Amino acid sequence: MSEGFVLVEPATRYRKAFIAMLDDYRRASEDRYGHLRGLTPLKFRAYVRQLTDASTGLGLQPGWVPYTTLWLVRPDVPLIFGSVQLRHWLTESLQKEGGHIGYTITPSQRRKGYGTIQLALALDEVRRRHESLGLDRVLVTCDTDNIGSARVIQSNGGVFESEVISDFSGKPVSRYWIDL
């Protein structure tokens, strides 16, 4: 099912692939990583360190929980196809919107089934980390009008619980639970 895809921890060896991903978002007019413009090797090393620290709870913004970032790659292709964040627990805000798992697929790689693969691999990773995370089920949310993301969640066992209004965008957000 995974078609040779794996989730990897951020590492400096992925710098060129990460820059290609940034360019992909920029071409699609999505400013997801705008804070990383002009990414030098030194800045990238610091960014990778920041992501590594976040997984242990170091250097987090107030109100944030520890989270692990993983990148979707195929070892034979020099691209990062997507990114996933595993949030170690939920705040009240994440309970409403955001959930345990957040993910994105780079714009040029969408609608190819990679989101479904990435979420399946992320769920496997949460299962592997059961001792440290202690999760028996996870919350995954998406904008209600994002039909593709809803299908990804449902195809990975997501059961719709409710719809809420985002405190950030004012848009409806669908909430799904996935049993592990």
N, C-alpha and C. Protein backbone atom coordinates (compact mmCIF):
# COMPACT_ATOMS: atom_id res chain seq x y z
N MET A 1 0.82 -1.20 0.00
CA MET A 1 0.00 0.00 0.00
C MET A 1 0.86 1.26 0.00
N SER A 2 2.02 1.23 0.68
CA SER A 2 2.79 2.46 0.82
C SER A 2 3.61 2.82 -0.42
N GLU A 3 3.64 1.94 -1.42
CA GLU A 3 4.32 2.23 -2.69
C GLU A 3 5.77 2.68 -2.50
N GLY A 4 6.44 2.16 -1.50
CA GLY A 4 7.83 2.53 -1.27
C GLY A 4 8.02 3.80 -0.47
N PHE A 5 6.93 4.40 -0.01
CA PHE A 5 7.02 5.63 0.78
C PHE A 5 7.36 5.30 2.22
N VAL A 6 8.07 6.22 2.86
CA VAL A 6 8.38 6.12 4.28
C VAL A 6 8.26 7.51 4.90
N LEU A 7 8.05 7.53 6.19
CA LEU A 7 8.11 8.78 6.94
C LEU A 7 9.49 8.85 7.58
N VAL A 8 10.15 9.99 7.43
CA VAL A 8 11.48 10.17 7.99
C VAL A 8 11.49 11.40 8.90
N GLU A 9 12.38 11.35 9.86
CA GLU A 9 12.58 12.53 10.71
C GLU A 9 13.34 13.58 9.91
N PRO A 10 13.05 14.84 10.13
CA PRO A 10 13.79 15.89 9.44
C PRO A 10 15.29 15.75 9.68
N ALA A 11 16.05 15.92 8.62
CA ALA A 11 17.51 15.81 8.71
C ALA A 11 18.12 16.72 7.65
N THR A 12 19.34 17.18 7.92
CA THR A 12 19.98 18.12 7.00
C THR A 12 20.22 17.53 5.62
N ARG A 13 20.28 16.21 5.50
CA ARG A 13 20.50 15.60 4.18
C ARG A 13 19.32 15.84 3.23
N TYR A 14 18.18 16.30 3.76
CA TYR A 14 17.00 16.55 2.93
C TYR A 14 16.88 18.03 2.51
N ARG A 15 17.94 18.79 2.68
CA ARG A 15 17.86 20.24 2.40
C ARG A 15 17.41 20.54 0.98
N LYS A 16 18.01 19.91 -0.04
CA LYS A 16 17.61 20.18 -1.43
C LYS A 16 16.16 19.81 -1.68
N ALA A 17 15.74 18.68 -1.14
CA ALA A 17 14.35 18.26 -1.30
C ALA A 17 13.41 19.23 -0.58
N PHE A 18 13.85 19.74 0.58
CA PHE A 18 13.03 20.69 1.32
C PHE A 18 12.90 21.99 0.55
N ILE A 19 13.99 22.47 -0.04
CA ILE A 19 13.94 23.70 -0.85
C ILE A 19 13.01 23.50 -2.04
N ALA A 20 13.05 22.33 -2.67
CA ALA A 20 12.14 22.03 -3.78
C ALA A 20 10.69 22.08 -3.29
N MET A 21 10.44 21.59 -2.09
CA MET A 21 9.10 21.64 -1.52
C MET A 21 8.67 23.09 -1.28
N LEU A 22 9.58 23.90 -0.74
CA LEU A 22 9.26 25.32 -0.54
C LEU A 22 8.90 25.99 -1.86
N ASP A 23 9.66 25.70 -2.90
CA ASP A 23 9.38 26.27 -4.22
C ASP A 23 8.01 25.83 -4.73
N ASP A 24 7.66 24.59 -4.47
CA ASP A 24 6.36 24.06 -4.88
C ASP A 24 5.23 24.85 -4.21
N TYR A 25 5.34 25.08 -2.91
CA TYR A 25 4.33 25.88 -2.20
C TYR A 25 4.28 27.31 -2.74
N ARG A 26 5.45 27.89 -2.99
CA ARG A 26 5.49 29.26 -3.50
C ARG A 26 4.81 29.36 -4.86
N ARG A 27 5.10 28.41 -5.76
CA ARG A 27 4.46 28.39 -7.09
C ARG A 27 2.94 28.28 -6.98
N ALA A 28 2.46 27.60 -5.97
CA ALA A 28 1.03 27.43 -5.77
C ALA A 28 0.42 28.58 -4.97
N SER A 29 1.24 29.60 -4.67
CA SER A 29 0.81 30.76 -3.88
C SER A 29 0.31 30.37 -2.50
N GLU A 30 0.93 29.35 -1.93
CA GLU A 30 0.64 28.95 -0.56
C GLU A 30 1.86 29.31 0.28
N ASP A 31 1.67 30.15 1.25
CA ASP A 31 2.79 30.67 2.04
C ASP A 31 3.01 29.85 3.30
N ARG A 32 2.89 28.54 3.19
CA ARG A 32 3.00 27.65 4.35
C ARG A 32 4.34 27.80 5.08
N TYR A 33 5.43 27.99 4.35
CA TYR A 33 6.76 28.08 4.97
C TYR A 33 7.41 29.42 4.67
N GLY A 34 6.62 30.48 4.59
CA GLY A 34 7.15 31.79 4.24
C GLY A 34 8.27 32.27 5.14
N HIS A 35 8.25 31.82 6.40
CA HIS A 35 9.28 32.24 7.35
C HIS A 35 10.65 31.64 7.02
N LEU A 36 10.69 30.72 6.07
CA LEU A 36 11.96 30.07 5.73
C LEU A 36 12.52 30.55 4.39
N ARG A 37 12.11 31.71 3.92
CA ARG A 37 12.66 32.24 2.67
C ARG A 37 14.17 32.42 2.81
N GLY A 38 14.89 32.25 1.71
CA GLY A 38 16.34 32.41 1.74
C GLY A 38 17.01 31.39 2.63
N LEU A 39 16.59 30.14 2.50
CA LEU A 39 17.04 29.08 3.38
C LEU A 39 18.49 28.69 3.09
N THR A 40 19.37 29.16 3.93
CA THR A 40 20.80 28.81 3.82
C THR A 40 21.02 27.48 4.54
N PRO A 41 22.15 26.83 4.28
CA PRO A 41 22.43 25.58 5.02
C PRO A 41 22.39 25.78 6.53
N LEU A 42 22.90 26.92 6.99
CA LEU A 42 22.91 27.19 8.43
C LEU A 42 21.48 27.35 8.97
N LYS A 43 20.63 28.09 8.24
CA LYS A 43 19.24 28.26 8.66
C LYS A 43 18.51 26.92 8.65
N PHE A 44 18.80 26.09 7.64
CA PHE A 44 18.12 24.80 7.56
C PHE A 44 18.54 23.91 8.73
N ARG A 45 19.81 23.92 9.06
CA ARG A 45 20.29 23.15 10.21
C ARG A 45 19.56 23.60 11.49
N ALA A 46 19.39 24.90 11.64
CA ALA A 46 18.68 25.43 12.81
C ALA A 46 17.20 25.02 12.79
N TYR A 47 16.60 25.02 11.60
CA TYR A 47 15.20 24.61 11.47
C TYR A 47 15.04 23.14 11.84
N VAL A 48 15.93 22.30 11.36
CA VAL A 48 15.88 20.87 11.70
C VAL A 48 16.04 20.70 13.21
N ARG A 49 16.93 21.45 13.82
CA ARG A 49 17.13 21.40 15.27
C ARG A 49 15.85 21.83 15.99
N GLN A 50 15.22 22.88 15.49
CA GLN A 50 13.97 23.38 16.09
C GLN A 50 12.90 22.27 16.06
N LEU A 51 12.78 21.57 14.94
CA LEU A 51 11.80 20.49 14.84
C LEU A 51 12.15 19.34 15.78
N THR A 52 13.42 19.01 15.88
CA THR A 52 13.86 17.96 16.79
C THR A 52 13.56 18.35 18.23
N ASP A 53 13.86 19.60 18.58
CA ASP A 53 13.59 20.08 19.94
C ASP A 53 12.09 20.05 20.25
N ALA A 54 11.26 20.40 19.27
CA ALA A 54 9.81 20.43 19.48
C ALA A 54 9.27 19.07 19.88
N SER A 55 9.90 18.02 19.40
CA SER A 55 9.42 16.67 19.73
C SER A 55 9.69 16.32 21.19
N THR A 56 10.61 17.04 21.82
CA THR A 56 10.89 16.82 23.24
C THR A 56 10.32 17.93 24.12
N GLY A 57 9.64 18.89 23.49
CA GLY A 57 9.01 19.96 24.25
C GLY A 57 9.89 21.19 24.45
N LEU A 58 11.08 21.20 23.84
CA LEU A 58 11.99 22.34 24.01
C LEU A 58 11.66 23.46 23.01
N GLY A 59 11.72 24.69 23.49
CA GLY A 59 11.59 25.85 22.62
C GLY A 59 10.22 26.06 22.02
N LEU A 60 9.19 25.52 22.63
CA LEU A 60 7.85 25.66 22.08
C LEU A 60 7.25 27.02 22.39
N GLN A 61 6.41 27.48 21.49
CA GLN A 61 5.67 28.72 21.74
C GLN A 61 4.69 28.46 22.88
N PRO A 62 4.34 29.51 23.64
CA PRO A 62 3.38 29.33 24.74
C PRO A 62 2.07 28.71 24.23
N GLY A 63 1.59 27.70 24.95
CA GLY A 63 0.34 27.05 24.60
C GLY A 63 0.49 25.89 23.62
N TRP A 64 1.70 25.69 23.09
CA TRP A 64 1.92 24.58 22.16
C TRP A 64 2.29 23.32 22.94
N VAL A 65 1.96 22.18 22.35
CA VAL A 65 2.33 20.89 22.94
C VAL A 65 3.49 20.30 22.15
N PRO A 66 4.25 19.38 22.76
CA PRO A 66 5.30 18.71 21.98
C PRO A 66 4.69 18.04 20.74
N TYR A 67 5.42 18.11 19.64
CA TYR A 67 4.96 17.49 18.40
C TYR A 67 6.16 16.96 17.64
N THR A 68 5.91 15.87 16.93
CA THR A 68 6.94 15.25 16.11
C THR A 68 6.60 15.50 14.65
N THR A 69 7.55 16.05 13.91
CA THR A 69 7.38 16.28 12.48
C THR A 69 8.07 15.15 11.72
N LEU A 70 7.38 14.65 10.72
CA LEU A 70 7.93 13.62 9.84
C LEU A 70 7.65 14.01 8.40
N TRP A 71 8.56 13.67 7.51
CA TRP A 71 8.39 13.98 6.09
C TRP A 71 8.13 12.70 5.31
N LEU A 72 7.23 12.80 4.35
CA LEU A 72 6.91 11.68 3.47
C LEU A 72 7.88 11.70 2.29
N VAL A 73 8.65 10.63 2.17
CA VAL A 73 9.63 10.53 1.07
C VAL A 73 9.56 9.12 0.47
N ARG A 74 10.10 9.02 -0.71
CA ARG A 74 10.42 7.72 -1.32
C ARG A 74 11.92 7.74 -1.50
N PRO A 75 12.62 6.77 -0.93
CA PRO A 75 14.08 6.80 -0.98
C PRO A 75 14.67 6.93 -2.37
N ASP A 76 13.95 6.50 -3.40
CA ASP A 76 14.48 6.56 -4.77
C ASP A 76 14.15 7.87 -5.49
N VAL A 77 13.45 8.79 -4.82
CA VAL A 77 13.04 10.06 -5.44
C VAL A 77 13.49 11.20 -4.54
N PRO A 78 14.21 12.20 -5.08
CA PRO A 78 14.72 13.29 -4.24
C PRO A 78 13.67 14.37 -3.94
N LEU A 79 12.51 13.97 -3.43
CA LEU A 79 11.43 14.91 -3.11
C LEU A 79 10.91 14.64 -1.71
N ILE A 80 10.38 15.69 -1.11
CA ILE A 80 9.55 15.54 0.08
C ILE A 80 8.13 15.71 -0.42
N PHE A 81 7.34 14.66 -0.33
CA PHE A 81 5.98 14.66 -0.85
C PHE A 81 4.99 15.30 0.10
N GLY A 82 5.30 15.28 1.39
CA GLY A 82 4.39 15.84 2.38
C GLY A 82 5.04 15.90 3.74
N SER A 83 4.29 16.48 4.66
CA SER A 83 4.75 16.65 6.03
C SER A 83 3.60 16.32 6.96
N VAL A 84 3.94 15.68 8.07
CA VAL A 84 2.94 15.32 9.06
C VAL A 84 3.45 15.72 10.44
N GLN A 85 2.54 16.19 11.28
CA GLN A 85 2.88 16.52 12.66
C GLN A 85 2.05 15.64 13.58
N LEU A 86 2.73 14.96 14.49
CA LEU A 86 2.09 14.14 15.49
C LEU A 86 2.12 14.91 16.81
N ARG A 87 0.97 15.37 17.24
CA ARG A 87 0.89 16.13 18.49
C ARG A 87 0.73 15.14 19.64
N HIS A 88 1.56 15.28 20.64
CA HIS A 88 1.67 14.28 21.69
C HIS A 88 0.47 14.25 22.62
N TRP A 89 -0.22 15.34 22.77
CA TRP A 89 -1.48 15.39 23.50
C TRP A 89 -2.24 16.61 23.00
N LEU A 90 -3.47 16.76 23.50
CA LEU A 90 -4.33 17.84 23.01
C LEU A 90 -4.59 18.88 24.08
N THR A 91 -4.51 20.13 23.66
CA THR A 91 -4.99 21.24 24.47
C THR A 91 -6.48 21.39 24.15
N GLU A 92 -7.15 22.27 24.85
CA GLU A 92 -8.56 22.53 24.56
C GLU A 92 -8.72 23.01 23.11
N SER A 93 -7.82 23.85 22.67
CA SER A 93 -7.88 24.36 21.30
C SER A 93 -7.67 23.24 20.27
N LEU A 94 -6.67 22.37 20.48
CA LEU A 94 -6.42 21.26 19.56
C LEU A 94 -7.55 20.24 19.60
N GLN A 95 -8.22 20.13 20.75
CA GLN A 95 -9.37 19.23 20.87
C GLN A 95 -10.48 19.70 19.92
N LYS A 96 -10.59 20.99 19.75
CA LYS A 96 -11.62 21.54 18.85
C LYS A 96 -11.16 21.47 17.40
N GLU A 97 -9.93 21.91 17.15
CA GLU A 97 -9.41 22.00 15.78
C GLU A 97 -7.92 21.71 15.78
N GLY A 98 -7.48 20.87 14.91
CA GLY A 98 -6.06 20.53 14.81
C GLY A 98 -5.82 19.07 15.11
N GLY A 99 -6.31 18.62 16.26
CA GLY A 99 -6.21 17.21 16.60
C GLY A 99 -4.80 16.72 16.87
N HIS A 100 -4.67 15.41 16.91
CA HIS A 100 -3.38 14.76 17.16
C HIS A 100 -2.49 14.75 15.93
N ILE A 101 -3.09 14.68 14.75
CA ILE A 101 -2.31 14.55 13.52
C ILE A 101 -2.72 15.65 12.55
N GLY A 102 -1.72 16.41 12.12
CA GLY A 102 -1.91 17.39 11.06
C GLY A 102 -1.01 17.00 9.90
N TYR A 103 -1.49 17.18 8.69
CA TYR A 103 -0.67 16.77 7.54
C TYR A 103 -0.95 17.65 6.34
N THR A 104 0.01 17.64 5.44
CA THR A 104 -0.15 18.33 4.16
C THR A 104 0.66 17.59 3.11
N ILE A 105 0.19 17.65 1.90
CA ILE A 105 0.90 17.13 0.74
C ILE A 105 1.29 18.33 -0.11
N THR A 106 2.50 18.32 -0.65
CA THR A 106 2.93 19.46 -1.46
C THR A 106 1.99 19.63 -2.65
N PRO A 107 1.75 20.88 -3.06
CA PRO A 107 0.73 21.15 -4.07
C PRO A 107 0.84 20.33 -5.36
N SER A 108 2.03 20.15 -5.90
CA SER A 108 2.15 19.42 -7.17
C SER A 108 1.93 17.92 -7.02
N GLN A 109 1.87 17.42 -5.78
CA GLN A 109 1.73 15.99 -5.55
C GLN A 109 0.34 15.60 -5.03
N ARG A 110 -0.57 16.57 -4.97
CA ARG A 110 -1.91 16.30 -4.46
C ARG A 110 -2.75 15.53 -5.49
N ARG A 111 -3.77 14.90 -4.99
CA ARG A 111 -4.74 14.13 -5.80
C ARG A 111 -4.10 12.92 -6.48
N LYS A 112 -3.09 12.37 -5.83
CA LYS A 112 -2.41 11.18 -6.35
C LYS A 112 -2.46 10.03 -5.34
N GLY A 113 -3.20 10.22 -4.25
CA GLY A 113 -3.30 9.18 -3.24
C GLY A 113 -2.24 9.24 -2.15
N TYR A 114 -1.34 10.23 -2.22
CA TYR A 114 -0.25 10.30 -1.26
C TYR A 114 -0.72 10.70 0.14
N GLY A 115 -1.79 11.48 0.22
CA GLY A 115 -2.32 11.85 1.53
C GLY A 115 -2.80 10.63 2.30
N THR A 116 -3.47 9.72 1.59
CA THR A 116 -3.95 8.49 2.21
C THR A 116 -2.77 7.65 2.71
N ILE A 117 -1.74 7.55 1.89
CA ILE A 117 -0.54 6.80 2.29
C ILE A 117 0.12 7.47 3.50
N GLN A 118 0.25 8.79 3.45
CA GLN A 118 0.93 9.50 4.53
C GLN A 118 0.18 9.34 5.85
N LEU A 119 -1.14 9.48 5.83
CA LEU A 119 -1.89 9.34 7.07
C LEU A 119 -1.79 7.90 7.59
N ALA A 120 -1.85 6.90 6.71
CA ALA A 120 -1.71 5.50 7.14
C ALA A 120 -0.36 5.29 7.81
N LEU A 121 0.70 5.83 7.22
CA LEU A 121 2.03 5.70 7.82
C LEU A 121 2.11 6.45 9.15
N ALA A 122 1.46 7.61 9.24
CA ALA A 122 1.45 8.37 10.50
C ALA A 122 0.73 7.58 11.59
N LEU A 123 -0.38 6.93 11.24
CA LEU A 123 -1.09 6.11 12.23
C LEU A 123 -0.22 4.94 12.69
N ASP A 124 0.51 4.35 11.75
CA ASP A 124 1.45 3.28 12.13
C ASP A 124 2.50 3.82 13.10
N GLU A 125 2.97 5.02 12.85
CA GLU A 125 3.99 5.63 13.72
C GLU A 125 3.42 5.89 15.12
N VAL A 126 2.19 6.36 15.21
CA VAL A 126 1.56 6.57 16.52
C VAL A 126 1.42 5.24 17.25
N ARG A 127 1.05 4.19 16.52
CA ARG A 127 0.95 2.86 17.14
C ARG A 127 2.31 2.41 17.67
N ARG A 128 3.38 2.65 16.90
CA ARG A 128 4.73 2.28 17.34
C ARG A 128 5.15 3.05 18.59
N ARG A 129 4.64 4.25 18.72
CA ARG A 129 5.02 5.10 19.86
C ARG A 129 4.01 4.99 21.00
N HIS A 130 3.22 3.94 21.00
CA HIS A 130 2.14 3.82 21.99
C HIS A 130 2.64 3.96 23.42
N GLU A 131 3.78 3.35 23.72
CA GLU A 131 4.29 3.43 25.09
C GLU A 131 4.56 4.87 25.52
N SER A 132 5.15 5.67 24.63
CA SER A 132 5.48 7.04 25.02
C SER A 132 4.28 7.98 24.89
N LEU A 133 3.40 7.74 23.91
CA LEU A 133 2.28 8.64 23.70
C LEU A 133 1.01 8.19 24.44
N GLY A 134 0.83 6.89 24.57
CA GLY A 134 -0.31 6.36 25.31
C GLY A 134 -1.66 6.60 24.64
N LEU A 135 -1.68 6.72 23.32
CA LEU A 135 -2.93 7.02 22.62
C LEU A 135 -3.59 5.74 22.11
N ASP A 136 -4.88 5.59 22.37
CA ASP A 136 -5.65 4.47 21.85
C ASP A 136 -6.49 4.90 20.65
N ARG A 137 -6.64 6.19 20.49
CA ARG A 137 -7.34 6.76 19.34
C ARG A 137 -6.80 8.16 19.12
N VAL A 138 -6.95 8.65 17.91
CA VAL A 138 -6.46 9.99 17.59
C VAL A 138 -7.56 10.81 16.93
N LEU A 139 -7.48 12.10 17.16
CA LEU A 139 -8.38 13.06 16.53
C LEU A 139 -7.68 13.66 15.32
N VAL A 140 -8.37 13.67 14.19
CA VAL A 140 -7.86 14.29 12.97
C VAL A 140 -8.97 15.20 12.47
N THR A 141 -8.61 16.44 12.13
CA THR A 141 -9.62 17.40 11.68
C THR A 141 -9.26 17.93 10.29
N CYS A 142 -10.27 18.47 9.62
CA CYS A 142 -10.02 19.14 8.35
C CYS A 142 -11.13 20.15 8.11
N ASP A 143 -10.83 21.15 7.29
CA ASP A 143 -11.88 22.07 6.90
C ASP A 143 -12.99 21.26 6.25
N THR A 144 -14.22 21.55 6.60
CA THR A 144 -15.35 20.78 6.10
C THR A 144 -15.43 20.81 4.58
N ASP A 145 -15.01 21.92 3.98
CA ASP A 145 -15.08 22.01 2.51
C ASP A 145 -13.90 21.33 1.81
N ASN A 146 -12.97 20.75 2.57
CA ASN A 146 -11.84 20.04 2.00
C ASN A 146 -12.22 18.57 1.84
N ILE A 147 -12.97 18.30 0.78
CA ILE A 147 -13.51 16.96 0.54
C ILE A 147 -12.39 15.93 0.40
N GLY A 148 -11.29 16.30 -0.26
CA GLY A 148 -10.17 15.39 -0.43
C GLY A 148 -9.60 14.95 0.90
N SER A 149 -9.40 15.89 1.82
CA SER A 149 -8.85 15.56 3.13
C SER A 149 -9.84 14.70 3.92
N ALA A 150 -11.11 15.01 3.81
CA ALA A 150 -12.12 14.19 4.50
C ALA A 150 -12.06 12.75 4.00
N ARG A 151 -11.89 12.56 2.70
CA ARG A 151 -11.79 11.20 2.13
C ARG A 151 -10.54 10.49 2.63
N VAL A 152 -9.43 11.22 2.73
CA VAL A 152 -8.19 10.64 3.26
C VAL A 152 -8.43 10.13 4.68
N ILE A 153 -9.05 10.95 5.50
CA ILE A 153 -9.30 10.59 6.90
C ILE A 153 -10.25 9.40 6.97
N GLN A 154 -11.34 9.44 6.20
CA GLN A 154 -12.31 8.35 6.22
C GLN A 154 -11.71 7.05 5.71
N SER A 155 -10.87 7.12 4.69
CA SER A 155 -10.27 5.89 4.15
C SER A 155 -9.26 5.28 5.11
N ASN A 156 -8.84 6.05 6.12
CA ASN A 156 -7.95 5.53 7.16
C ASN A 156 -8.71 5.22 8.45
N GLY A 157 -10.02 5.06 8.34
CA GLY A 157 -10.83 4.65 9.49
C GLY A 157 -11.43 5.78 10.29
N GLY A 158 -11.33 7.01 9.80
CA GLY A 158 -11.89 8.14 10.53
C GLY A 158 -13.40 8.08 10.62
N VAL A 159 -13.91 8.26 11.83
CA VAL A 159 -15.34 8.27 12.09
C VAL A 159 -15.73 9.70 12.47
N PHE A 160 -16.62 10.28 11.69
CA PHE A 160 -17.05 11.66 11.92
C PHE A 160 -17.70 11.77 13.30
N GLU A 161 -17.26 12.80 14.05
CA GLU A 161 -17.87 13.05 15.35
C GLU A 161 -18.73 14.31 15.33
N SER A 162 -18.15 15.40 14.80
CA SER A 162 -18.89 16.66 14.85
C SER A 162 -18.28 17.68 13.91
N GLU A 163 -19.00 18.74 13.74
CA GLU A 163 -18.51 19.90 12.99
C GLU A 163 -18.52 21.09 13.94
N VAL A 164 -17.44 21.85 13.91
CA VAL A 164 -17.30 23.04 14.75
C VAL A 164 -16.90 24.20 13.86
N ILE A 165 -16.95 25.39 14.40
CA ILE A 165 -16.49 26.58 13.68
C ILE A 165 -15.11 26.94 14.19
N SER A 166 -14.18 27.10 13.27
CA SER A 166 -12.80 27.42 13.62
C SER A 166 -12.71 28.78 14.30
N ASP A 167 -11.95 28.81 15.40
CA ASP A 167 -11.68 30.08 16.07
C ASP A 167 -10.70 30.93 15.27
N PHE A 168 -10.00 30.32 14.31
CA PHE A 168 -8.98 31.02 13.54
C PHE A 168 -9.51 31.54 12.21
N SER A 169 -10.19 30.67 11.46
CA SER A 169 -10.64 31.06 10.12
C SER A 169 -12.12 31.39 10.05
N GLY A 170 -12.89 30.99 11.05
CA GLY A 170 -14.33 31.19 11.03
C GLY A 170 -15.05 30.19 10.13
N LYS A 171 -14.29 29.22 9.58
CA LYS A 171 -14.86 28.23 8.68
C LYS A 171 -15.26 26.97 9.45
N PRO A 172 -16.21 26.20 8.90
CA PRO A 172 -16.57 24.93 9.53
C PRO A 172 -15.40 23.93 9.44
N VAL A 173 -15.21 23.19 10.52
CA VAL A 173 -14.16 22.18 10.63
C VAL A 173 -14.82 20.87 11.02
N SER A 174 -14.49 19.79 10.30
CA SER A 174 -15.00 18.46 10.62
C SER A 174 -13.99 17.73 11.50
N ARG A 175 -14.52 17.04 12.51
CA ARG A 175 -13.69 16.33 13.48
C ARG A 175 -13.93 14.82 13.35
N TYR A 176 -12.84 14.06 13.23
CA TYR A 176 -12.92 12.60 13.07
C TYR A 176 -12.03 11.93 14.09
N TRP A 177 -12.49 10.79 14.61
CA TRP A 177 -11.69 9.97 15.50
C TRP A 177 -11.29 8.69 14.78
N ILE A 178 -10.05 8.28 14.98
CA ILE A 178 -9.55 7.02 14.41
C ILE A 178 -9.05 6.16 15.56
N ASP A 179 -9.65 4.97 15.71
CA ASP A 179 -9.20 4.01 16.72
C ASP A 179 -7.90 3.38 16.25
N LEU A 180 -6.97 3.22 17.19
CA LEU A 180 -5.69 2.62 16.86
C LEU A 180 -5.71 1.14 17.19
